[in-house]
């Protein structure tokens, strides 16, 4: 009987997502990460995660991502999760 050879090919890809701040957006200080980060909107976070905005709220509640402390503005999410490895 002839020998059977099995070849397995694994392709690993990495996607880079860049958000460019507009003139009116400043970097913010994240007290949790203890560093300066780019604040993301809910929509930008959903786009980065490839999920719906409702899923962003679920991940916030689960502690997978966290908010920045910004007074008097809309919700801004710490972008540090974009640079962490799974």
N, C-alpha and C. Protein backbone atom coordinates (compact mmCIF):
# COMPACT_ATOMS: atom_id res chain seq x y z
N UNK A 1 0.85 -1.17 0.00
CA UNK A 1 0.00 0.00 0.00
C UNK A 1 0.90 1.25 0.00
N UNK A 2 0.60 2.24 -0.85
CA UNK A 2 1.44 3.44 -0.90
C UNK A 2 1.24 4.30 0.35
N UNK A 3 2.30 5.03 0.70
CA UNK A 3 2.23 5.91 1.85
C UNK A 3 1.38 7.13 1.53
N UNK A 4 0.66 7.58 2.53
CA UNK A 4 -0.18 8.76 2.39
C UNK A 4 0.53 9.93 3.07
N UNK A 5 0.72 11.01 2.35
CA UNK A 5 1.36 12.19 2.90
C UNK A 5 0.33 13.29 3.05
N UNK A 6 0.25 13.87 4.23
CA UNK A 6 -0.69 14.96 4.49
C UNK A 6 0.13 16.22 4.73
N UNK A 7 -0.21 17.26 4.00
CA UNK A 7 0.46 18.54 4.16
C UNK A 7 -0.55 19.54 4.69
N UNK A 8 -0.16 20.25 5.73
CA UNK A 8 -1.04 21.25 6.32
C UNK A 8 -0.39 22.61 6.14
N UNK A 9 -1.14 23.54 5.57
CA UNK A 9 -0.66 24.89 5.37
C UNK A 9 -1.47 25.84 6.24
N UNK A 10 -0.79 26.61 7.04
CA UNK A 10 -1.44 27.58 7.92
C UNK A 10 -1.06 28.98 7.45
N UNK A 11 -2.05 29.78 7.17
CA UNK A 11 -1.81 31.15 6.75
C UNK A 11 -2.28 32.07 7.86
N UNK A 12 -1.39 32.87 8.36
CA UNK A 12 -1.72 33.81 9.43
C UNK A 12 -1.67 35.22 8.86
N UNK A 13 -2.75 35.95 9.10
CA UNK A 13 -2.79 37.34 8.63
C UNK A 13 -3.01 38.26 9.80
N UNK A 14 -2.69 39.49 9.60
CA UNK A 14 -2.89 40.50 10.63
C UNK A 14 -3.42 41.75 9.94
N UNK A 15 -4.49 42.28 10.50
CA UNK A 15 -5.10 43.47 9.93
C UNK A 15 -4.71 44.69 10.76
N UNK A 16 -4.36 45.74 10.08
CA UNK A 16 -4.01 46.98 10.75
C UNK A 16 -5.13 47.98 10.52
N UNK A 17 -5.66 48.50 11.61
CA UNK A 17 -6.73 49.49 11.53
C UNK A 17 -6.17 50.80 12.04
N UNK A 18 -6.31 51.83 11.24
CA UNK A 18 -5.81 53.14 11.66
C UNK A 18 -6.97 54.12 11.70
N UNK A 19 -7.05 54.85 12.80
CA UNK A 19 -8.01 55.93 12.93
C UNK A 19 -7.21 57.22 13.02
N UNK A 20 -7.51 58.14 12.15
CA UNK A 20 -6.80 59.41 12.16
C UNK A 20 -7.66 60.46 12.83
N UNK A 21 -7.15 61.05 13.91
CA UNK A 21 -7.96 62.04 14.61
C UNK A 21 -8.15 63.30 13.78
N UNK A 22 -9.32 63.87 13.89
CA UNK A 22 -9.57 65.15 13.23
C UNK A 22 -8.96 66.26 14.08
N UNK A 23 -9.02 67.47 13.58
CA UNK A 23 -8.39 68.60 14.28
C UNK A 23 -8.98 68.83 15.66
N UNK A 24 -10.29 68.57 15.84
CA UNK A 24 -10.91 68.88 17.12
C UNK A 24 -10.78 67.76 18.16
N UNK A 25 -10.22 66.62 17.79
CA UNK A 25 -10.08 65.52 18.73
C UNK A 25 -8.65 65.48 19.27
N UNK A 26 -8.55 65.42 20.58
CA UNK A 26 -7.24 65.32 21.22
C UNK A 26 -7.08 63.93 21.81
N UNK A 27 -5.85 63.56 22.01
CA UNK A 27 -5.59 62.32 22.70
C UNK A 27 -6.04 62.49 24.14
N UNK A 28 -6.42 61.39 24.76
CA UNK A 28 -6.90 61.45 26.13
C UNK A 28 -6.07 60.55 27.03
N UNK A 29 -6.10 60.84 28.31
CA UNK A 29 -5.39 60.05 29.29
C UNK A 29 -6.29 58.93 29.78
N UNK A 30 -5.81 57.71 29.73
CA UNK A 30 -6.55 56.57 30.24
C UNK A 30 -5.98 56.21 31.60
N UNK A 31 -6.79 56.38 32.64
CA UNK A 31 -6.35 56.08 34.00
C UNK A 31 -6.18 54.58 34.20
N UNK A 32 -6.92 53.78 33.46
CA UNK A 32 -6.81 52.32 33.59
C UNK A 32 -5.49 51.83 32.97
N UNK A 33 -5.20 52.29 31.76
CA UNK A 33 -3.98 51.86 31.06
C UNK A 33 -2.75 52.67 31.48
N UNK A 34 -3.01 53.81 32.10
CA UNK A 34 -1.95 54.73 32.52
C UNK A 34 -1.09 55.19 31.37
N UNK A 35 -1.77 55.59 30.30
CA UNK A 35 -1.05 56.14 29.15
C UNK A 35 -2.00 56.99 28.31
N UNK A 36 -1.42 57.75 27.41
CA UNK A 36 -2.20 58.59 26.51
C UNK A 36 -2.68 57.72 25.35
N UNK A 37 -3.97 57.81 25.05
CA UNK A 37 -4.55 56.99 23.99
C UNK A 37 -5.47 57.84 23.14
N UNK A 38 -5.79 57.32 21.97
CA UNK A 38 -6.74 57.98 21.10
C UNK A 38 -8.15 57.54 21.50
N UNK A 39 -9.02 58.49 21.82
CA UNK A 39 -10.38 58.11 22.21
C UNK A 39 -11.23 57.73 21.00
N UNK A 40 -11.86 56.58 21.06
CA UNK A 40 -12.71 56.09 19.97
C UNK A 40 -14.18 56.32 20.29
N UNK A 41 -14.96 56.60 19.27
CA UNK A 41 -16.40 56.67 19.44
C UNK A 41 -16.94 55.24 19.48
N UNK A 42 -18.20 55.11 19.84
CA UNK A 42 -18.83 53.78 19.82
C UNK A 42 -18.80 53.18 18.42
N UNK A 43 -19.06 54.02 17.42
CA UNK A 43 -19.09 53.55 16.04
C UNK A 43 -17.71 53.10 15.56
N UNK A 44 -16.67 53.86 15.91
CA UNK A 44 -15.31 53.48 15.54
C UNK A 44 -14.90 52.17 16.21
N UNK A 45 -15.30 52.01 17.47
CA UNK A 45 -14.99 50.78 18.19
C UNK A 45 -15.69 49.59 17.55
N UNK A 46 -16.96 49.78 17.19
CA UNK A 46 -17.71 48.70 16.53
C UNK A 46 -17.05 48.33 15.21
N UNK A 47 -16.61 49.34 14.46
CA UNK A 47 -15.95 49.08 13.19
C UNK A 47 -14.64 48.31 13.39
N UNK A 48 -13.87 48.71 14.39
CA UNK A 48 -12.60 48.04 14.67
C UNK A 48 -12.80 46.59 15.08
N UNK A 49 -13.85 46.34 15.84
CA UNK A 49 -14.14 44.98 16.32
C UNK A 49 -14.96 44.17 15.32
N UNK A 50 -15.46 44.85 14.29
CA UNK A 50 -16.34 44.20 13.29
C UNK A 50 -17.59 43.62 13.94
N UNK A 51 -18.22 44.47 14.79
CA UNK A 51 -19.45 44.08 15.48
C UNK A 51 -20.43 45.25 15.42
N UNK A 52 -21.64 45.03 15.89
CA UNK A 52 -22.63 46.08 16.00
C UNK A 52 -22.36 46.89 17.27
N UNK A 53 -22.89 48.11 17.32
CA UNK A 53 -22.70 48.97 18.48
C UNK A 53 -23.23 48.31 19.75
N UNK A 54 -24.31 47.56 19.64
CA UNK A 54 -24.87 46.87 20.81
C UNK A 54 -23.83 45.92 21.42
N UNK A 55 -23.03 45.28 20.59
CA UNK A 55 -21.98 44.38 21.09
C UNK A 55 -20.90 45.16 21.83
N UNK A 56 -20.66 46.40 21.43
CA UNK A 56 -19.69 47.24 22.13
C UNK A 56 -20.15 47.46 23.57
N UNK A 57 -21.45 47.74 23.75
CA UNK A 57 -22.00 47.91 25.10
C UNK A 57 -21.83 46.62 25.92
N UNK A 58 -22.03 45.49 25.29
CA UNK A 58 -21.88 44.21 25.99
C UNK A 58 -20.43 44.02 26.43
N UNK A 59 -19.50 44.36 25.56
CA UNK A 59 -18.08 44.21 25.90
C UNK A 59 -17.65 45.22 26.97
N UNK A 60 -18.24 46.39 26.95
CA UNK A 60 -17.98 47.37 28.01
C UNK A 60 -18.45 46.81 29.36
N UNK A 61 -19.66 46.25 29.38
CA UNK A 61 -20.22 45.69 30.61
C UNK A 61 -19.39 44.51 31.11
N UNK A 62 -18.81 43.75 30.17
CA UNK A 62 -18.00 42.58 30.54
C UNK A 62 -16.58 42.96 30.95
N UNK A 63 -16.21 44.22 30.75
CA UNK A 63 -14.88 44.66 31.11
C UNK A 63 -13.81 44.36 30.08
N UNK A 64 -14.22 43.94 28.88
CA UNK A 64 -13.24 43.64 27.83
C UNK A 64 -12.62 44.92 27.27
N UNK A 65 -13.39 45.99 27.27
CA UNK A 65 -12.91 47.31 26.86
C UNK A 65 -13.41 48.29 27.92
N UNK A 66 -12.84 49.49 27.93
CA UNK A 66 -13.24 50.43 28.97
C UNK A 66 -13.32 51.86 28.43
N UNK A 67 -14.04 52.68 29.18
CA UNK A 67 -14.26 54.07 28.81
C UNK A 67 -13.14 54.96 29.32
N UNK A 68 -12.97 56.08 28.63
CA UNK A 68 -12.08 57.12 29.12
C UNK A 68 -12.87 58.08 29.98
N UNK A 69 -12.22 58.67 30.92
CA UNK A 69 -12.84 59.71 31.73
C UNK A 69 -12.79 61.02 30.95
N UNK A 70 -13.90 61.43 30.38
CA UNK A 70 -13.95 62.69 29.67
C UNK A 70 -15.19 63.44 30.12
N UNK A 71 -14.97 64.59 30.66
CA UNK A 71 -16.10 65.35 31.20
C UNK A 71 -16.83 66.11 30.09
N UNK A 72 -18.15 66.10 30.17
CA UNK A 72 -18.98 66.90 29.30
C UNK A 72 -19.04 66.48 27.84
N UNK A 73 -18.68 65.28 27.52
CA UNK A 73 -18.72 64.85 26.13
C UNK A 73 -19.43 63.53 25.97
N UNK A 74 -19.44 63.05 24.75
CA UNK A 74 -20.04 61.75 24.50
C UNK A 74 -19.09 60.64 24.96
N UNK A 75 -19.58 59.44 24.98
CA UNK A 75 -18.77 58.30 25.42
C UNK A 75 -17.56 58.13 24.50
N UNK A 76 -16.43 57.96 25.11
CA UNK A 76 -15.21 57.67 24.36
C UNK A 76 -14.57 56.43 24.96
N UNK A 77 -14.11 55.56 24.08
CA UNK A 77 -13.57 54.28 24.49
C UNK A 77 -12.06 54.29 24.31
N UNK A 78 -11.36 53.72 25.26
CA UNK A 78 -9.90 53.62 25.21
C UNK A 78 -9.50 52.74 24.02
N UNK A 79 -8.58 53.23 23.22
CA UNK A 79 -8.17 52.50 22.03
C UNK A 79 -7.05 51.49 22.30
N UNK A 80 -6.62 51.36 23.53
CA UNK A 80 -5.51 50.46 23.85
C UNK A 80 -5.81 49.00 23.49
N UNK A 81 -7.09 48.63 23.47
CA UNK A 81 -7.44 47.24 23.13
C UNK A 81 -7.02 46.89 21.71
N UNK A 82 -6.83 47.89 20.86
CA UNK A 82 -6.43 47.63 19.47
C UNK A 82 -4.98 47.13 19.37
N UNK A 83 -4.18 47.44 20.38
CA UNK A 83 -2.78 47.07 20.32
C UNK A 83 -2.43 45.85 21.14
N UNK A 84 -3.43 45.24 21.80
CA UNK A 84 -3.16 44.05 22.58
C UNK A 84 -3.33 42.81 21.74
N UNK A 85 -2.49 41.85 21.97
CA UNK A 85 -2.56 40.58 21.25
C UNK A 85 -3.63 39.70 21.86
N UNK A 86 -4.37 38.95 21.02
CA UNK A 86 -5.41 38.04 21.55
C UNK A 86 -4.82 36.91 22.35
